[in-house]
Every structure is written in C-alpha cells, then in structure tokens.
Amino acid sequence: MQAIKQNITVPPSRELSIKLQENSIAHEEAEVIVLFKSSSHVMEEKYAAIEEAMKDELFLADLYETMNDFAPVDGEVKLP
C-alpha cells in the first residue's frame, strides 16, 4: 500500500480533483479519505469581526432598530 498526502484549501465549489502519480495502475482500487483540519485562525477572524461590529455605531443603530421592531412580539427583549 502506498499513501499520498496532499494539503489543499477547499475551493468555493467544494469540488476536489485528484491527480495521481504516473506510476499508478489504471483500474486499481484506491481509497480516498478527506480529513478537515480545524481552522482556529478562521474562527479568530470571525470573532475579531464581531468585536469590531460591536463598536460600529451604524451597525448598533440598525441592530437596536430591528430589536425595537420585534420587541412587541419578543417577550425576552428588554431594551434600554
């Protein structure tokens, strides 16, 4: 058994194409396993964007306006 490892970034199409080595035997059975690595830096970027949004006055104004619009039907929201 021979193992080939390739690290790639998942494309927007979420489709992968595998190019095998020239010495691969045609019609031979092969096993393909896809392992996803945890992208902690991606989550850190998302959290940073959320923290930045919480400082954005226009975003906050829109958020409170939307919360006010739904306040009559949402018993959990207590607006300032």
Protein backbone atom coordinates (compact mmCIF):
# COMPACT_ATOMS: atom_id res chain seq x y z
CA MET A 1 0.00 0.00 0.00
CA GLN A 2 1.22 3.47 -0.85
CA ALA A 3 -0.03 6.69 0.76
CA ILE A 4 -0.07 10.08 -0.91
CA LYS A 5 -0.79 13.16 1.16
CA GLN A 6 -1.87 16.48 -0.33
CA ASN A 7 -2.87 19.56 1.67
CA ILE A 8 -5.35 21.80 -0.11
CA THR A 9 -7.76 24.60 0.64
CA VAL A 10 -11.38 23.76 -0.04
CA PRO A 11 -12.49 25.79 -3.07
CA PRO A 12 -15.81 27.68 -3.16
CA SER A 13 -17.21 25.00 -5.46
CA ARG A 14 -16.42 22.40 -2.76
CA GLU A 15 -15.27 20.06 -5.52
CA LEU A 16 -11.90 18.33 -5.45
CA SER A 17 -9.91 16.80 -8.28
CA ILE A 18 -7.17 14.26 -7.58
CA LYS A 19 -4.18 13.86 -9.87
CA LEU A 20 -2.45 10.53 -9.24
CA GLN A 21 1.19 9.75 -9.85
CA GLU A 22 2.26 8.39 -13.23
CA ASN A 23 3.16 5.02 -11.70
CA SER A 24 -0.44 4.50 -10.50
CA ILE A 25 -2.01 1.41 -12.00
CA ALA A 26 -5.18 2.01 -14.03
CA HIS A 27 -8.32 0.29 -12.74
CA GLU A 28 -6.65 -0.46 -9.41
CA GLU A 29 -8.81 0.17 -6.36
CA ALA A 30 -7.88 3.23 -4.30
CA GLU A 31 -9.23 4.56 -1.02
CA VAL A 32 -9.75 8.30 -0.65
CA ILE A 33 -10.12 9.86 2.80
CA VAL A 34 -10.79 13.57 3.32
CA LEU A 35 -9.84 14.99 6.72
CA PHE A 36 -10.81 18.54 7.62
CA LYS A 37 -8.41 20.44 9.83
CA SER A 38 -9.83 22.75 12.45
CA SER A 39 -9.24 26.30 11.29
CA SER A 40 -8.86 28.12 14.57
CA HIS A 41 -7.46 31.18 12.80
CA VAL A 42 -10.68 31.42 10.77
CA MET A 43 -12.74 31.45 13.95
CA GLU A 44 -10.42 34.07 15.45
CA GLU A 45 -11.00 36.26 12.38
CA LYS A 46 -14.77 35.84 12.75
CA TYR A 47 -14.65 36.76 16.44
CA ALA A 48 -12.50 39.80 15.64
CA ALA A 49 -15.05 40.90 13.02
CA ILE A 50 -17.88 40.51 15.53
CA GLU A 51 -15.97 42.55 18.12
CA GLU A 52 -15.34 45.25 15.52
CA ALA A 53 -19.04 45.30 14.58
CA MET A 54 -19.95 45.90 18.22
CA LYS A 55 -18.02 49.19 18.00
CA ASP A 56 -19.69 50.26 14.74
CA GLU A 57 -22.30 52.91 15.56
CA LEU A 58 -24.27 52.37 12.35
CA PHE A 59 -24.42 48.61 12.92
CA LEU A 60 -25.53 49.11 16.52
CA ALA A 61 -28.21 51.61 15.46
CA ASP A 62 -29.56 49.11 12.91
CA LEU A 63 -29.44 46.32 15.50
CA TYR A 64 -31.41 48.32 18.09
CA GLU A 65 -33.90 49.46 15.45
CA THR A 66 -34.54 45.84 14.46
CA MET A 67 -34.82 44.79 18.11
CA ASN A 68 -37.35 47.59 18.68
CA ASP A 69 -39.36 46.43 15.67
CA PHE A 70 -39.68 42.93 17.14
CA ALA A 71 -39.96 43.92 20.82
CA PRO A 72 -43.79 43.70 20.90
CA VAL A 73 -43.68 40.01 19.94
CA ASP A 74 -40.48 39.05 21.75
CA GLY A 75 -41.01 38.71 25.49
CA GLU A 76 -37.28 38.18 26.18
CA VAL A 77 -36.01 41.51 24.91
CA LYS A 78 -35.69 44.33 27.41
CA LEU A 79 -34.46 47.38 25.52
CA PRO A 80 -32.67 50.32 27.16
